[in-house]
């Protein structure tokens, strides 16, 4: 796809290309909602969004899941005050919802290294959920440290710097309704 000619949301930045259009994303989110609905015919389902990047995707996704569910969020940090990851994930915001006995669907915007996701899966698994799965909008397939498959996947992501639909660059571009790669 080609880049938009003059999208004011891009603050004058040029994009190399639109990787996934608004219509393409909407279609795939509907399909994911149907897949998730079918995968969880019974039991309590908690859709747990990893902030900040997942919020746009999660909001659209839960409206497409046709079964009862709960929504909560978590914020993880592996940096603290440092500029380099410590490798240890701390929950800055821990879900208030009880996880024991529930199906937990961890929603992520993009899977990169998988380091944070892997550690979150270990932490959440200790809380004895009925099941624990990952749903990601994008996956770069470079996650050498993630040992748990992504059960629900929107798109295979190109190895480019992507923004939009929740993905940011310095907190900008999250509100753009498509996914684009920056020049």
Protein backbone atom coordinates (compact mmCIF):
# COMPACT_ATOMS: atom_id res chain seq x y z
CA UNK A 1 0.00 0.00 0.00
CA UNK A 2 1.08 3.55 -0.51
CA UNK A 3 1.48 6.22 2.11
CA UNK A 4 -1.33 8.69 2.80
CA UNK A 5 -0.81 11.98 1.03
CA UNK A 6 -1.61 14.45 3.79
CA UNK A 7 -2.80 12.88 7.02
CA UNK A 8 -2.68 15.63 9.68
CA UNK A 9 -2.39 12.96 12.43
CA UNK A 10 1.15 12.22 11.23
CA UNK A 11 2.42 15.66 12.35
CA UNK A 12 4.22 16.21 9.05
CA UNK A 13 6.15 12.91 9.32
CA UNK A 14 6.43 10.84 6.19
CA UNK A 15 5.64 7.19 6.16
CA UNK A 16 7.31 4.67 3.97
CA UNK A 17 4.05 2.78 3.44
CA UNK A 18 0.83 1.72 5.07
CA UNK A 19 1.44 -1.84 6.20
CA UNK A 20 -2.17 -2.55 7.26
CA UNK A 21 -5.12 -0.35 6.30
CA UNK A 22 -7.97 0.57 8.62
CA UNK A 23 -10.35 -1.73 6.66
CA UNK A 24 -7.88 -4.64 6.71
CA UNK A 25 -7.41 -4.30 10.48
CA UNK A 26 -11.17 -4.07 11.11
CA UNK A 27 -11.79 -7.21 9.05
CA UNK A 28 -9.09 -9.18 10.87
CA UNK A 29 -10.27 -8.00 14.31
CA UNK A 30 -13.79 -9.29 13.48
CA UNK A 31 -12.26 -12.64 12.49
CA UNK A 32 -10.23 -12.78 15.69
CA UNK A 33 -13.35 -12.03 17.73
CA UNK A 34 -15.11 -14.99 16.11
CA UNK A 35 -12.07 -17.25 16.69
CA UNK A 36 -11.89 -16.27 20.36
CA UNK A 37 -15.64 -16.69 20.83
CA UNK A 38 -15.41 -20.23 19.43
CA UNK A 39 -12.30 -21.08 21.48
CA UNK A 40 -13.94 -20.23 24.81
CA UNK A 41 -17.43 -21.74 24.85
CA UNK A 42 -17.61 -21.82 28.66
CA UNK A 43 -15.93 -20.55 31.80
CA UNK A 44 -14.98 -17.08 32.89
CA UNK A 45 -12.93 -15.18 30.30
CA UNK A 46 -10.68 -12.28 31.34
CA UNK A 47 -9.21 -10.24 28.51
CA UNK A 48 -6.08 -8.66 29.95
CA UNK A 49 -4.54 -5.79 27.99
CA UNK A 50 -0.87 -4.93 28.22
CA UNK A 51 -0.73 -1.13 28.33
CA UNK A 52 -0.16 1.17 26.62
CA UNK A 53 0.11 -0.28 23.14
CA UNK A 54 -2.77 -2.74 23.27
CA UNK A 55 -5.57 -0.36 24.23
CA UNK A 56 -6.87 0.46 20.73
CA UNK A 57 -6.70 -3.16 19.57
CA UNK A 58 -8.23 -4.44 22.82
CA UNK A 59 -11.14 -1.98 22.66
CA UNK A 60 -12.05 -3.08 19.13
CA UNK A 61 -11.41 -6.76 19.88
CA UNK A 62 -13.63 -7.14 22.95
CA UNK A 63 -16.58 -5.65 21.03
CA UNK A 64 -16.22 -8.54 18.54
CA UNK A 65 -16.16 -11.33 21.14
CA UNK A 66 -19.71 -12.62 21.45
CA UNK A 67 -19.69 -14.07 24.95
CA UNK A 68 -19.51 -12.74 28.50
CA UNK A 69 -16.07 -11.49 29.49
CA UNK A 70 -14.22 -9.19 31.83
CA UNK A 71 -11.55 -6.66 30.88
CA UNK A 72 -8.60 -5.54 32.94
CA UNK A 73 -5.15 -4.16 32.23
CA UNK A 74 -1.60 -4.47 33.40
CA UNK A 75 1.43 -2.28 33.03
CA UNK A 76 4.83 -3.92 33.08
CA UNK A 77 8.25 -2.34 33.32
CA UNK A 78 11.67 -3.84 32.91
CA UNK A 79 13.55 -0.53 32.86
CA UNK A 80 12.91 1.21 36.17
CA UNK A 81 15.05 4.36 36.14
CA UNK A 82 17.65 2.85 33.82
CA UNK A 83 17.94 3.26 30.06
CA UNK A 84 18.66 -0.43 29.56
CA UNK A 85 16.27 -3.23 30.46
CA UNK A 86 17.10 -4.99 33.70
CA UNK A 87 15.68 -8.20 32.26
CA UNK A 88 13.35 -8.43 35.27
CA UNK A 89 9.72 -7.50 34.75
CA UNK A 90 7.91 -5.57 37.47
CA UNK A 91 4.16 -5.05 37.40
CA UNK A 92 3.60 -1.31 37.70
CA UNK A 93 -0.16 -1.90 37.61
CA UNK A 94 -1.33 -5.35 38.62
CA UNK A 95 -4.78 -6.56 37.54
CA UNK A 96 -7.35 -6.10 40.28
CA UNK A 97 -9.40 -9.01 38.99
CA UNK A 98 -8.88 -12.44 40.53
CA UNK A 99 -7.21 -14.72 37.95
CA UNK A 100 -7.60 -18.13 39.59
CA UNK A 101 -9.78 -20.51 37.58
CA UNK A 102 -10.36 -18.07 34.72
CA UNK A 103 -9.40 -18.23 31.07
CA UNK A 104 -6.86 -15.41 30.69
CA UNK A 105 -6.30 -13.89 27.25
CA UNK A 106 -3.27 -11.60 27.35
CA UNK A 107 -3.59 -8.98 24.59
CA UNK A 108 -0.47 -7.38 23.15
CA UNK A 109 0.02 -4.90 20.30
CA UNK A 110 3.22 -6.40 18.87
CA UNK A 111 5.47 -9.32 19.76
CA UNK A 112 9.13 -8.38 19.36
CA UNK A 113 11.78 -10.04 21.56
CA UNK A 114 9.15 -11.76 23.70
CA UNK A 115 11.15 -11.15 26.89
CA UNK A 116 8.46 -9.17 28.71
CA UNK A 117 5.66 -11.46 27.54
CA UNK A 118 7.51 -14.58 28.66
CA UNK A 119 8.08 -13.20 32.14
CA UNK A 120 4.47 -12.03 32.40
CA UNK A 121 3.26 -15.50 31.47
CA UNK A 122 5.32 -16.97 34.30
CA UNK A 123 4.01 -14.38 36.79
CA UNK A 124 0.39 -14.80 35.70
CA UNK A 125 0.67 -18.59 35.56
CA UNK A 126 1.49 -18.66 39.28
CA UNK A 127 -2.00 -17.29 39.93
CA UNK A 128 -3.55 -20.56 38.72
CA UNK A 129 -5.71 -19.48 35.78
CA UNK A 130 -7.76 -22.14 34.00
CA UNK A 131 -5.87 -21.26 30.81
CA UNK A 132 -3.43 -18.57 29.72
CA UNK A 133 -3.05 -17.56 26.06
CA UNK A 134 -1.68 -14.68 23.99
CA UNK A 135 -3.52 -12.61 21.40
CA UNK A 136 -1.30 -10.20 19.46
CA UNK A 137 -2.18 -7.79 16.70
CA UNK A 138 1.29 -8.11 15.16
CA UNK A 139 4.14 -10.61 15.45
CA UNK A 140 7.61 -10.04 14.02
CA UNK A 141 8.63 -13.70 14.54
CA UNK A 142 11.95 -12.72 16.06
CA UNK A 143 10.97 -13.59 19.64
CA UNK A 144 13.80 -15.83 20.76
CA UNK A 145 12.84 -15.60 24.43
CA UNK A 146 9.12 -16.36 24.15
CA UNK A 147 8.46 -20.05 24.78
CA UNK A 148 4.67 -19.86 24.58
CA UNK A 149 2.93 -19.74 21.19
CA UNK A 150 0.74 -16.83 20.23
CA UNK A 151 -2.65 -18.52 19.94
CA UNK A 152 -4.49 -15.64 18.27
CA UNK A 153 -2.60 -13.50 15.76
CA UNK A 154 -3.73 -10.58 13.67
CA UNK A 155 -0.85 -10.25 11.22
CA UNK A 156 2.73 -11.25 10.60
CA UNK A 157 4.60 -7.96 10.93
CA UNK A 158 7.32 -6.75 8.59
CA UNK A 159 10.66 -6.01 10.21
CA UNK A 160 10.09 -2.26 10.07
CA UNK A 161 9.41 0.44 12.65
CA UNK A 162 5.61 0.49 12.80
CA UNK A 163 3.26 3.11 14.22
CA UNK A 164 -0.48 3.55 14.46
CA UNK A 165 -3.41 1.59 15.89
CA UNK A 166 -1.86 1.76 19.36
CA UNK A 167 1.79 1.54 18.29
CA UNK A 168 3.74 4.70 19.04
CA UNK A 169 6.94 6.57 18.42
CA UNK A 170 7.75 8.73 21.48
CA UNK A 171 4.04 8.53 22.48
CA UNK A 172 2.88 9.90 19.10
CA UNK A 173 0.77 8.16 16.43
CA UNK A 174 -1.18 5.73 18.69
CA UNK A 175 -4.47 7.25 17.45
CA UNK A 176 -3.78 6.72 13.75
CA UNK A 177 -6.36 4.13 12.56
CA UNK A 178 -3.97 2.13 10.37
CA UNK A 179 -0.47 0.68 10.83
CA UNK A 180 2.31 2.40 8.88
CA UNK A 181 6.07 2.24 8.75
CA UNK A 182 7.93 5.49 9.29
CA UNK A 183 10.54 6.75 6.82
